Amino acid sequence: MTQPLAILTGATAGATESFVVVPFELVKIRLQDKSSKYTGMADVVKTIVRQEGPLALYNGLEATLWRHISWNAGYFGVIFKVRDLLPKAETSQGQITNDLISGSIGGTVGTMVNTPFDVVKSRIQSTTKVPGVIPKYNWTLPGVYTVFREEGFGALYKGFLPKVLRLGPGGGILLVVFTACMDFFRSIQ
């Protein structure tokens, strides 16, 4: 394993994950909108399909790809490098500590990289598509520029603190559990 390969495999995993999570993210965003009139998850799906068509369940796919690819590439690229910089663990407790540290740093960096894409993704998905009307937030990179131009750099990091408080330590826990599972599966071969 090399750092470029870690980044590539992380990005590939993020891209794959995006195709699975987009409809769920879309439903979540529509339900969380303070002006939402939906009665529940099924109502969101039924309304979107009826008013916008079945492919509308994938509104925000491009932004979700940017969000997941950047987080996973950042996460796996950073943990690879941080693990390399940390002293070699001589005990299982040392391995857990190293994984917590490198995973938490990776989760934090991944979140720093992907938050602007997440902000734009939420704006894209909270907009109901109307035939013949081009939404203000339609594509990710122009959306990032629009937010920056109209609201300033800080707006690209709205919600960053709770997100990094979840994904920073979550990245550490993820790596500890992943390593433990891999060690277990190797031991039973």
N, C-alpha and C. Protein backbone atom coordinates (compact mmCIF):
# COMPACT_ATOMS: atom_id res chain seq x y z
N MET A 1 0.85 -1.18 0.00
CA MET A 1 0.00 0.00 0.00
C MET A 1 0.89 1.24 0.00
N THR A 2 0.54 2.18 -0.85
CA THR A 2 1.23 3.47 -0.90
C THR A 2 0.20 4.56 -0.62
N GLN A 3 0.68 5.77 -0.34
CA GLN A 3 -0.26 6.86 -0.08
C GLN A 3 -1.13 7.16 -1.30
N PRO A 4 -0.57 7.25 -2.51
CA PRO A 4 -1.45 7.47 -3.68
C PRO A 4 -2.51 6.37 -3.83
N LEU A 5 -2.14 5.13 -3.55
CA LEU A 5 -3.10 4.04 -3.65
C LEU A 5 -4.17 4.16 -2.56
N ALA A 6 -3.75 4.58 -1.36
CA ALA A 6 -4.72 4.79 -0.28
C ALA A 6 -5.72 5.88 -0.67
N ILE A 7 -5.23 6.95 -1.28
CA ILE A 7 -6.10 8.04 -1.72
C ILE A 7 -7.05 7.54 -2.82
N LEU A 8 -6.51 6.80 -3.78
CA LEU A 8 -7.33 6.28 -4.88
C LEU A 8 -8.40 5.31 -4.38
N THR A 9 -8.03 4.39 -3.51
CA THR A 9 -9.03 3.44 -3.01
C THR A 9 -10.07 4.14 -2.16
N GLY A 10 -9.66 5.14 -1.38
CA GLY A 10 -10.62 5.92 -0.61
C GLY A 10 -11.59 6.66 -1.51
N ALA A 11 -11.06 7.30 -2.55
CA ALA A 11 -11.91 8.04 -3.48
C ALA A 11 -12.88 7.10 -4.19
N THR A 12 -12.41 5.92 -4.56
CA THR A 12 -13.27 4.94 -5.23
C THR A 12 -14.39 4.47 -4.29
N ALA A 13 -14.04 4.23 -3.04
CA ALA A 13 -15.06 3.83 -2.06
C ALA A 13 -16.09 4.95 -1.88
N GLY A 14 -15.61 6.19 -1.84
CA GLY A 14 -16.52 7.33 -1.69
C GLY A 14 -17.47 7.47 -2.86
N ALA A 15 -16.94 7.24 -4.07
CA ALA A 15 -17.80 7.33 -5.26
C ALA A 15 -18.87 6.25 -5.23
N THR A 16 -18.47 5.05 -4.88
CA THR A 16 -19.42 3.94 -4.81
C THR A 16 -20.50 4.21 -3.76
N GLU A 17 -20.06 4.67 -2.61
CA GLU A 17 -20.99 4.98 -1.51
C GLU A 17 -22.01 6.04 -1.93
N SER A 18 -21.59 7.00 -2.72
CA SER A 18 -22.46 8.10 -3.13
C SER A 18 -23.72 7.62 -3.83
N PHE A 19 -23.57 6.63 -4.69
CA PHE A 19 -24.73 6.13 -5.44
C PHE A 19 -25.76 5.48 -4.52
N VAL A 20 -25.31 4.97 -3.39
CA VAL A 20 -26.22 4.32 -2.45
C VAL A 20 -26.92 5.35 -1.56
N VAL A 21 -26.18 6.38 -1.11
CA VAL A 21 -26.72 7.28 -0.09
C VAL A 21 -27.54 8.44 -0.63
N VAL A 22 -27.40 8.79 -1.91
CA VAL A 22 -28.07 9.99 -2.42
C VAL A 22 -29.58 10.03 -2.16
N PRO A 23 -30.34 8.98 -2.48
CA PRO A 23 -31.78 9.08 -2.22
C PRO A 23 -32.10 9.29 -0.73
N PHE A 24 -31.34 8.64 0.13
CA PHE A 24 -31.57 8.78 1.57
C PHE A 24 -31.21 10.18 2.05
N GLU A 25 -30.12 10.72 1.53
CA GLU A 25 -29.72 12.09 1.87
C GLU A 25 -30.79 13.08 1.40
N LEU A 26 -31.30 12.86 0.20
CA LEU A 26 -32.33 13.74 -0.36
C LEU A 26 -33.57 13.75 0.54
N VAL A 27 -34.02 12.57 0.93
CA VAL A 27 -35.19 12.46 1.80
C VAL A 27 -34.91 13.14 3.14
N LYS A 28 -33.75 12.91 3.71
CA LYS A 28 -33.38 13.52 4.99
C LYS A 28 -33.38 15.05 4.91
N ILE A 29 -32.76 15.58 3.86
CA ILE A 29 -32.69 17.04 3.68
C ILE A 29 -34.09 17.63 3.54
N ARG A 30 -34.94 16.99 2.76
CA ARG A 30 -36.30 17.51 2.57
C ARG A 30 -37.09 17.46 3.88
N LEU A 31 -36.89 16.41 4.68
CA LEU A 31 -37.60 16.32 5.96
C LEU A 31 -37.07 17.34 6.98
N GLN A 32 -35.77 17.66 6.91
CA GLN A 32 -35.18 18.59 7.86
C GLN A 32 -35.45 20.05 7.55
N ASP A 33 -35.90 20.33 6.35
CA ASP A 33 -36.20 21.71 5.96
C ASP A 33 -37.28 22.26 6.90
N LYS A 34 -37.02 23.41 7.50
CA LYS A 34 -37.97 23.97 8.48
C LYS A 34 -39.33 24.29 7.87
N SER A 35 -39.38 24.46 6.55
CA SER A 35 -40.67 24.74 5.91
C SER A 35 -41.31 23.48 5.31
N SER A 36 -40.76 22.32 5.68
CA SER A 36 -41.24 21.05 5.13
C SER A 36 -42.68 20.78 5.53
N LYS A 37 -43.46 20.34 4.57
CA LYS A 37 -44.85 19.97 4.81
C LYS A 37 -45.05 18.46 4.67
N TYR A 38 -43.93 17.74 4.50
CA TYR A 38 -44.01 16.29 4.35
C TYR A 38 -44.44 15.63 5.65
N THR A 39 -45.17 14.53 5.51
CA THR A 39 -45.66 13.81 6.70
C THR A 39 -44.71 12.69 7.12
N GLY A 40 -43.74 12.37 6.30
CA GLY A 40 -42.79 11.31 6.62
C GLY A 40 -41.98 10.92 5.41
N MET A 41 -41.15 9.90 5.60
CA MET A 41 -40.23 9.47 4.56
C MET A 41 -40.97 9.02 3.30
N ALA A 42 -41.98 8.21 3.46
CA ALA A 42 -42.72 7.71 2.29
C ALA A 42 -43.38 8.85 1.52
N ASP A 43 -43.87 9.85 2.25
CA ASP A 43 -44.49 11.01 1.61
C ASP A 43 -43.48 11.77 0.76
N VAL A 44 -42.24 11.90 1.28
CA VAL A 44 -41.19 12.60 0.51
C VAL A 44 -40.93 11.85 -0.79
N VAL A 45 -40.72 10.54 -0.69
CA VAL A 45 -40.41 9.75 -1.89
C VAL A 45 -41.56 9.83 -2.89
N LYS A 46 -42.78 9.62 -2.41
CA LYS A 46 -43.95 9.65 -3.30
C LYS A 46 -44.09 11.01 -3.97
N THR A 47 -43.93 12.08 -3.22
CA THR A 47 -44.09 13.44 -3.76
C THR A 47 -42.99 13.75 -4.78
N ILE A 48 -41.75 13.39 -4.47
CA ILE A 48 -40.65 13.65 -5.40
C ILE A 48 -40.88 12.91 -6.71
N VAL A 49 -41.23 11.63 -6.62
CA VAL A 49 -41.44 10.83 -7.83
C VAL A 49 -42.61 11.38 -8.64
N ARG A 50 -43.69 11.77 -7.97
CA ARG A 50 -44.87 12.28 -8.66
C ARG A 50 -44.60 13.65 -9.30
N GLN A 51 -43.97 14.55 -8.55
CA GLN A 51 -43.80 15.93 -9.04
C GLN A 51 -42.55 16.13 -9.89
N GLU A 52 -41.47 15.38 -9.59
CA GLU A 52 -40.20 15.63 -10.25
C GLU A 52 -39.69 14.46 -11.09
N GLY A 53 -40.32 13.30 -10.93
CA GLY A 53 -39.90 12.11 -11.67
C GLY A 53 -38.98 11.23 -10.83
N PRO A 54 -38.90 9.94 -11.19
CA PRO A 54 -38.11 9.01 -10.38
C PRO A 54 -36.61 9.32 -10.34
N LEU A 55 -36.08 9.88 -11.41
CA LEU A 55 -34.65 10.21 -11.41
C LEU A 55 -34.33 11.35 -10.45
N ALA A 56 -35.34 12.11 -10.03
CA ALA A 56 -35.13 13.20 -9.09
C ALA A 56 -34.67 12.68 -7.74
N LEU A 57 -34.85 11.40 -7.47
CA LEU A 57 -34.32 10.82 -6.23
C LEU A 57 -32.80 10.89 -6.19
N TYR A 58 -32.21 11.15 -7.36
CA TYR A 58 -30.75 11.29 -7.43
C TYR A 58 -30.31 12.74 -7.59
N ASN A 59 -31.21 13.71 -7.28
CA ASN A 59 -30.80 15.12 -7.25
C ASN A 59 -29.68 15.26 -6.22
N GLY A 60 -28.63 15.91 -6.61
CA GLY A 60 -27.50 16.10 -5.71
C GLY A 60 -26.45 15.02 -5.82
N LEU A 61 -26.58 14.12 -6.80
CA LEU A 61 -25.58 13.06 -6.95
C LEU A 61 -24.19 13.63 -7.18
N GLU A 62 -24.09 14.60 -8.07
CA GLU A 62 -22.77 15.16 -8.37
C GLU A 62 -22.14 15.77 -7.12
N ALA A 63 -22.91 16.50 -6.33
CA ALA A 63 -22.39 17.10 -5.10
C ALA A 63 -22.04 16.04 -4.07
N THR A 64 -22.84 14.98 -4.02
CA THR A 64 -22.55 13.89 -3.10
C THR A 64 -21.27 13.18 -3.50
N LEU A 65 -21.06 13.02 -4.80
CA LEU A 65 -19.79 12.45 -5.26
C LEU A 65 -18.61 13.29 -4.79
N TRP A 66 -18.69 14.61 -4.99
CA TRP A 66 -17.63 15.51 -4.52
C TRP A 66 -17.43 15.35 -3.02
N ARG A 67 -18.53 15.31 -2.27
CA ARG A 67 -18.45 15.23 -0.81
C ARG A 67 -17.80 13.92 -0.37
N HIS A 68 -18.25 12.80 -0.88
CA HIS A 68 -17.75 11.50 -0.43
C HIS A 68 -16.35 11.19 -0.97
N ILE A 69 -16.11 11.53 -2.21
CA ILE A 69 -14.78 11.28 -2.78
C ILE A 69 -13.73 12.09 -2.01
N SER A 70 -14.02 13.37 -1.76
CA SER A 70 -13.03 14.21 -1.07
C SER A 70 -12.82 13.76 0.37
N TRP A 71 -13.90 13.38 1.08
CA TRP A 71 -13.72 12.94 2.47
C TRP A 71 -12.92 11.64 2.52
N ASN A 72 -13.31 10.66 1.74
CA ASN A 72 -12.63 9.36 1.79
C ASN A 72 -11.19 9.45 1.30
N ALA A 73 -10.96 10.22 0.24
CA ALA A 73 -9.58 10.38 -0.25
C ALA A 73 -8.73 11.07 0.80
N GLY A 74 -9.27 12.13 1.40
CA GLY A 74 -8.54 12.82 2.46
C GLY A 74 -8.30 11.93 3.67
N TYR A 75 -9.34 11.23 4.08
CA TYR A 75 -9.25 10.35 5.26
C TYR A 75 -8.19 9.27 5.06
N PHE A 76 -8.31 8.50 3.99
CA PHE A 76 -7.38 7.38 3.79
C PHE A 76 -5.97 7.86 3.46
N GLY A 77 -5.85 8.97 2.74
CA GLY A 77 -4.53 9.51 2.46
C GLY A 77 -3.83 9.99 3.71
N VAL A 78 -4.58 10.63 4.60
CA VAL A 78 -4.00 11.16 5.84
C VAL A 78 -3.68 10.03 6.82
N ILE A 79 -4.59 9.07 6.98
CA ILE A 79 -4.28 8.00 7.95
C ILE A 79 -3.05 7.21 7.50
N PHE A 80 -2.89 7.04 6.20
CA PHE A 80 -1.71 6.34 5.71
C PHE A 80 -0.44 7.08 6.16
N LYS A 81 -0.44 8.40 5.99
CA LYS A 81 0.76 9.19 6.32
C LYS A 81 0.96 9.31 7.83
N VAL A 82 -0.12 9.55 8.58
CA VAL A 82 0.01 9.70 10.02
C VAL A 82 0.47 8.39 10.66
N ARG A 83 -0.09 7.27 10.22
CA ARG A 83 0.35 5.97 10.74
C ARG A 83 1.85 5.80 10.52
N ASP A 84 2.33 6.24 9.37
CA ASP A 84 3.75 6.14 9.04
C ASP A 84 4.60 7.01 9.95
N LEU A 85 4.08 8.16 10.38
CA LEU A 85 4.84 9.09 11.21
C LEU A 85 4.83 8.72 12.69
N LEU A 86 3.81 7.99 13.13
CA LEU A 86 3.72 7.61 14.54
C LEU A 86 4.72 6.51 14.87
N PRO A 87 5.17 6.46 16.14
CA PRO A 87 6.06 5.36 16.53
C PRO A 87 5.33 4.02 16.36
N LYS A 88 6.06 3.01 15.95
CA LYS A 88 5.47 1.68 15.75
C LYS A 88 4.90 1.18 17.07
N ALA A 89 3.68 0.68 17.01
CA ALA A 89 3.03 0.14 18.20
C ALA A 89 3.63 -1.22 18.55
N GLU A 90 3.93 -1.39 19.82
CA GLU A 90 4.51 -2.66 20.26
C GLU A 90 3.50 -3.50 21.03
N THR A 91 2.34 -2.94 21.31
CA THR A 91 1.29 -3.67 22.00
C THR A 91 -0.03 -3.43 21.27
N SER A 92 -1.02 -4.24 21.62
CA SER A 92 -2.34 -4.03 20.99
C SER A 92 -2.92 -2.70 21.44
N GLN A 93 -2.66 -2.30 22.69
CA GLN A 93 -3.12 -0.99 23.17
C GLN A 93 -2.45 0.14 22.39
N GLY A 94 -1.17 -0.03 22.08
CA GLY A 94 -0.46 0.96 21.27
C GLY A 94 -1.03 1.06 19.87
N GLN A 95 -1.42 -0.09 19.29
CA GLN A 95 -2.04 -0.09 17.96
C GLN A 95 -3.38 0.64 17.99
N ILE A 96 -4.16 0.38 19.03
CA ILE A 96 -5.46 1.07 19.17
C ILE A 96 -5.24 2.57 19.29
N THR A 97 -4.26 2.97 20.09
CA THR A 97 -3.96 4.40 20.26
C THR A 97 -3.54 5.02 18.94
N ASN A 98 -2.64 4.36 18.22
CA ASN A 98 -2.20 4.88 16.92
C ASN A 98 -3.36 5.00 15.94
N ASP A 99 -4.24 3.99 15.94
CA ASP A 99 -5.40 4.04 15.04
C ASP A 99 -6.36 5.15 15.43
N LEU A 100 -6.56 5.33 16.73
CA LEU A 100 -7.44 6.44 17.18
C LEU A 100 -6.87 7.79 16.75
N ILE A 101 -5.57 7.96 16.93
CA ILE A 101 -4.93 9.23 16.58
C ILE A 101 -4.99 9.46 15.07
N SER A 102 -4.52 8.47 14.30
CA SER A 102 -4.47 8.68 12.84
C SER A 102 -5.87 8.75 12.23
N GLY A 103 -6.80 7.95 12.73
CA GLY A 103 -8.16 8.01 12.21
C GLY A 103 -8.86 9.32 12.55
N SER A 104 -8.62 9.83 13.76
CA SER A 104 -9.23 11.11 14.15
C SER A 104 -8.66 12.27 13.34
N ILE A 105 -7.36 12.24 13.11
CA ILE A 105 -6.75 13.29 12.28
C ILE A 105 -7.28 13.17 10.85
N GLY A 106 -7.35 11.94 10.33
CA GLY A 106 -7.88 11.72 8.98
C GLY A 106 -9.32 12.18 8.86
N GLY A 107 -10.15 11.87 9.87
CA GLY A 107 -11.54 12.30 9.85
C GLY A 107 -11.68 13.81 9.90
N THR A 108 -10.79 14.44 10.66
CA THR A 108 -10.81 15.91 10.75
C THR A 108 -10.41 16.55 9.42
N VAL A 109 -9.34 16.04 8.82
CA VAL A 109 -8.89 16.59 7.53
C VAL A 109 -9.94 16.34 6.45
N GLY A 110 -10.48 15.12 6.41
CA GLY A 110 -11.52 14.82 5.43
C GLY A 110 -12.70 15.77 5.56
N THR A 111 -13.07 16.10 6.79
CA THR A 111 -14.18 17.01 7.03
C THR A 111 -13.83 18.43 6.60
N MET A 112 -12.59 18.84 6.84
CA MET A 112 -12.16 20.17 6.41
C MET A 112 -12.24 20.30 4.89
N VAL A 113 -11.91 19.23 4.20
CA VAL A 113 -11.91 19.25 2.74
C VAL A 113 -13.32 19.20 2.17
N ASN A 114 -14.20 18.40 2.79
CA ASN A 114 -15.48 18.15 2.13
C ASN A 114 -16.64 19.03 2.60
N THR A 115 -16.48 19.81 3.64
CA THR A 115 -17.61 20.60 4.14
C THR A 115 -18.19 21.57 3.11
N PRO A 116 -17.40 22.30 2.32
CA PRO A 116 -18.03 23.16 1.30
C PRO A 116 -18.92 22.38 0.33
N PHE A 117 -18.51 21.18 -0.03
CA PHE A 117 -19.32 20.36 -0.92
C PHE A 117 -20.61 19.91 -0.22
N ASP A 118 -20.51 19.65 1.07
CA ASP A 118 -21.69 19.24 1.85
C ASP A 118 -22.70 20.38 1.94
N VAL A 119 -22.20 21.60 2.16
CA VAL A 119 -23.09 22.77 2.23
C VAL A 119 -23.85 22.92 0.91
N VAL A 120 -23.15 22.84 -0.20
CA VAL A 120 -23.78 22.99 -1.51
C VAL A 120 -24.72 21.82 -1.79
N LYS A 121 -24.32 20.61 -1.41
CA LYS A 121 -25.17 19.43 -1.61
C LYS A 121 -26.51 19.62 -0.91
N SER A 122 -26.47 20.12 0.30
CA SER A 122 -27.72 20.34 1.04
C SER A 122 -28.59 21.38 0.35
N ARG A 123 -27.99 22.41 -0.20
CA ARG A 123 -28.77 23.44 -0.90
C ARG A 123 -29.36 22.90 -2.19
N ILE A 124 -28.59 22.08 -2.90
CA ILE A 124 -29.11 21.47 -4.13
C ILE A 124 -30.29 20.57 -3.79
N GLN A 125 -30.13 19.76 -2.75
CA GLN A 125 -31.18 18.78 -2.43
C GLN A 125 -32.39 19.40 -1.75
N SER A 126 -32.26 20.57 -1.19
CA SER A 126 -33.42 21.19 -0.54
C SER A 126 -34.29 21.95 -1.53
N THR A 127 -33.82 22.06 -2.77
CA THR A 127 -34.56 22.78 -3.81
C THR A 127 -35.41 21.81 -4.62
N THR A 128 -36.69 22.08 -4.67
CA THR A 128 -37.59 21.29 -5.51
C THR A 128 -37.39 21.71 -6.96
N LYS A 129 -37.17 20.74 -7.82
CA LYS A 129 -36.99 21.04 -9.24
C LYS A 129 -38.32 21.43 -9.87
N VAL A 130 -38.29 22.54 -10.61
CA VAL A 130 -39.47 23.03 -11.33
C VAL A 130 -39.13 23.03 -12.81
N PRO A 131 -39.95 22.36 -13.63
CA PRO A 131 -39.65 22.32 -15.07
C PRO A 131 -39.49 23.73 -15.66
N GLY A 132 -38.42 23.91 -16.43
CA GLY A 132 -38.17 25.18 -17.10
C GLY A 132 -37.46 26.21 -16.25
N VAL A 133 -37.23 25.90 -14.98
CA VAL A 133 -36.56 26.84 -14.09
C VAL A 133 -35.21 26.26 -13.68
N ILE A 134 -34.15 27.03 -13.92
CA ILE A 134 -32.82 26.58 -13.51
C ILE A 134 -32.62 27.00 -12.06
N PRO A 135 -32.39 26.02 -11.18
CA PRO A 135 -32.23 26.37 -9.77
C PRO A 135 -30.95 27.17 -9.51
N LYS A 136 -30.96 27.94 -8.46
CA LYS A 136 -29.79 28.74 -8.09
C LYS A 136 -28.59 27.84 -7.83
N TYR A 137 -28.81 26.73 -7.15
CA TYR A 137 -27.76 25.76 -6.87
C TYR A 137 -28.06 24.52 -7.70
N ASN A 138 -27.31 24.36 -8.79
CA ASN A 138 -27.58 23.29 -9.73
C ASN A 138 -26.38 22.34 -9.83
N TRP A 139 -25.19 22.89 -9.85
CA TRP A 139 -23.95 22.13 -9.95
C TRP A 139 -23.04 22.53 -8.80
N THR A 140 -22.17 21.63 -8.41
CA THR A 140 -21.38 21.81 -7.19
C THR A 140 -20.39 22.96 -7.24
N LEU A 141 -19.46 22.93 -8.17
CA LEU A 141 -18.41 23.96 -8.18
C LEU A 141 -18.97 25.36 -8.39
N PRO A 142 -19.90 25.57 -9.33
CA PRO A 142 -20.52 26.89 -9.41
C PRO A 142 -21.27 27.25 -8.12
N GLY A 143 -21.86 26.23 -7.47
CA GLY A 143 -22.56 26.47 -6.21
C GLY A 143 -21.61 26.92 -5.10
N VAL A 144 -20.42 26.30 -5.05
CA VAL A 144 -19.42 26.71 -4.07
C VAL A 144 -19.04 28.17 -4.32
N TYR A 145 -18.83 28.51 -5.58
CA TYR A 145 -18.48 29.89 -5.93
C TYR A 145 -19.61 30.85 -5.57
N THR A 146 -20.85 30.47 -5.82
CA THR A 146 -22.00 31.33 -5.50
C THR A 146 -22.08 31.58 -4.00
N VAL A 147 -21.95 30.55 -3.20
CA VAL A 147 -21.98 30.72 -1.74
C VAL A 147 -20.85 31.64 -1.30
N PHE A 148 -19.65 31.39 -1.80
CA PHE A 148 -18.50 32.22 -1.45
C PHE A 148 -18.72 33.68 -1.84
N ARG A 149 -19.19 33.91 -3.06
CA ARG A 149 -19.39 35.27 -3.57
C ARG A 149 -20.49 36.01 -2.80
N GLU A 150 -21.60 35.32 -2.53
CA GLU A 150 -22.74 35.99 -1.91
C GLU A 150 -22.68 36.05 -0.38
N GLU A 151 -22.06 35.05 0.24
CA GLU A 151 -22.12 34.96 1.70
C GLU A 151 -20.77 34.95 2.38
N GLY A 152 -19.68 34.81 1.61
CA GLY A 152 -18.35 34.79 2.18
C GLY A 152 -17.86 33.37 2.45
N PHE A 153 -16.56 33.29 2.72
CA PHE A 153 -15.90 32.01 2.93
C PHE A 153 -16.51 31.23 4.08
N GLY A 154 -16.85 31.92 5.17
CA GLY A 154 -17.40 31.25 6.35
C GLY A 154 -18.67 30.46 6.07
N ALA A 155 -19.45 30.90 5.10
CA ALA A 155 -20.70 30.21 4.77
C ALA A 155 -20.44 28.82 4.21
N LEU A 156 -19.26 28.61 3.62
CA LEU A 156 -18.92 27.29 3.10
C LEU A 156 -18.65 26.29 4.22
N TYR A 157 -18.53 26.79 5.44
CA TYR A 157 -18.25 25.93 6.58
C TYR A 157 -19.36 25.97 7.63
N LYS A 158 -20.57 26.32 7.19
CA LYS A 158 -21.71 26.27 8.10
C LYS A 158 -21.90 24.84 8.57
N GLY A 159 -22.05 24.66 9.87
CA GLY A 159 -22.24 23.33 10.44
C GLY A 159 -20.94 22.55 10.60
N PHE A 160 -19.81 23.20 10.39
CA PHE A 160 -18.53 22.50 10.46
C PHE A 160 -18.26 21.92 11.84
N LEU A 161 -18.47 22.70 12.89
CA LEU A 161 -18.11 22.23 14.24
C LEU A 161 -18.84 20.94 14.62
N PRO A 162 -20.17 20.88 14.53
CA PRO A 162 -20.79 19.60 14.88
C PRO A 162 -20.39 18.47 13.94
N LYS A 163 -20.13 18.80 12.69
CA LYS A 163 -19.73 17.77 11.73
C LYS A 163 -18.35 17.22 12.08
N VAL A 164 -17.40 18.09 12.40
CA VAL A 164 -16.05 17.62 12.71
C VAL A 164 -16.03 16.94 14.08
N LEU A 165 -16.89 17.36 14.99
CA LEU A 165 -16.96 16.68 16.29
C LEU A 165 -17.52 15.26 16.14
N ARG A 166 -18.27 15.03 15.08
CA ARG A 166 -18.79 13.68 14.80
C ARG A 166 -17.79 12.87 13.99
N LEU A 167 -17.26 13.46 12.91
CA LEU A 167 -16.43 12.71 11.97
C LEU A 167 -14.96 12.63 12.35
N GLY A 168 -14.47 13.56 13.16
CA GLY A 168 -13.08 13.46 13.64
C GLY A 168 -12.92 12.22 14.51
N PRO A 169 -13.57 12.19 15.68
CA PRO A 169 -13.48 10.99 16.52
C PRO A 169 -14.07 9.76 15.82
N GLY A 170 -15.10 9.97 15.01
CA GLY A 170 -15.70 8.85 14.28
C GLY A 170 -14.69 8.19 13.36
N GLY A 171 -13.82 9.00 12.76
CA GLY A 171 -12.76 8.44 11.90
C GLY A 171 -11.80 7.59 12.70
N GLY A 172 -11.52 8.01 13.94
CA GLY A 172 -10.65 7.20 14.81
C GLY A 172 -11.31 5.89 15.18
N ILE A 173 -12.57 5.94 15.56
CA ILE A 173 -13.31 4.72 15.93
C ILE A 173 -13.43 3.80 14.71
N LEU A 174 -13.72 4.39 13.56
CA LEU A 174 -13.81 3.61 12.32
C LEU A 174 -12.53 2.82 12.09
N LEU A 175 -11.39 3.46 12.24
CA LEU A 175 -10.11 2.80 11.97
C LEU A 175 -9.82 1.72 13.01
N VAL A 176 -10.13 1.98 14.28
CA VAL A 176 -9.92 0.97 15.33
C VAL A 176 -10.76 -0.28 15.03
N VAL A 177 -12.03 -0.08 14.70
CA VAL A 177 -12.92 -1.22 14.42
C VAL A 177 -12.48 -1.94 13.15
N PHE A 178 -12.12 -1.19 12.11
CA PHE A 178 -11.65 -1.80 10.87
C PHE A 178 -10.42 -2.67 11.13
N THR A 179 -9.44 -2.13 11.86
CA THR A 179 -8.22 -2.87 12.15
C THR A 179 -8.52 -4.12 12.96
N ALA A 180 -9.38 -3.99 13.97
CA ALA A 180 -9.74 -5.15 14.80
C ALA A 180 -10.44 -6.23 13.97
N CYS A 181 -11.35 -5.81 13.09
CA CYS A 181 -12.04 -6.79 12.23
C CYS A 181 -11.05 -7.48 11.29
N MET A 182 -10.17 -6.70 10.67
CA MET A 182 -9.19 -7.30 9.76
C MET A 182 -8.27 -8.26 10.50
N ASP A 183 -7.83 -7.90 11.70
CA ASP A 183 -6.99 -8.79 12.50
C ASP A 183 -7.73 -10.08 12.85
N PHE A 184 -9.01 -9.94 13.19
CA PHE A 184 -9.83 -11.12 13.52
C PHE A 184 -9.97 -12.04 12.31
N PHE A 185 -10.30 -11.47 11.15
CA PHE A 185 -10.50 -12.29 9.96
C PHE A 185 -9.20 -12.95 9.52
N ARG A 186 -8.09 -12.25 9.70
CA ARG A 186 -6.79 -12.87 9.36
C ARG A 186 -6.50 -14.04 10.29
N SER A 187 -6.91 -13.93 11.55
CA SER A 187 -6.63 -14.98 12.53
C SER A 187 -7.44 -16.24 12.31
N ILE A 188 -8.58 -16.15 11.62
CA ILE A 188 -9.40 -17.34 11.42
C ILE A 188 -9.19 -18.01 10.06
N GLN A 189 -8.27 -17.49 9.29
CA GLN A 189 -8.02 -18.09 7.96
C GLN A 189 -7.28 -19.39 8.10
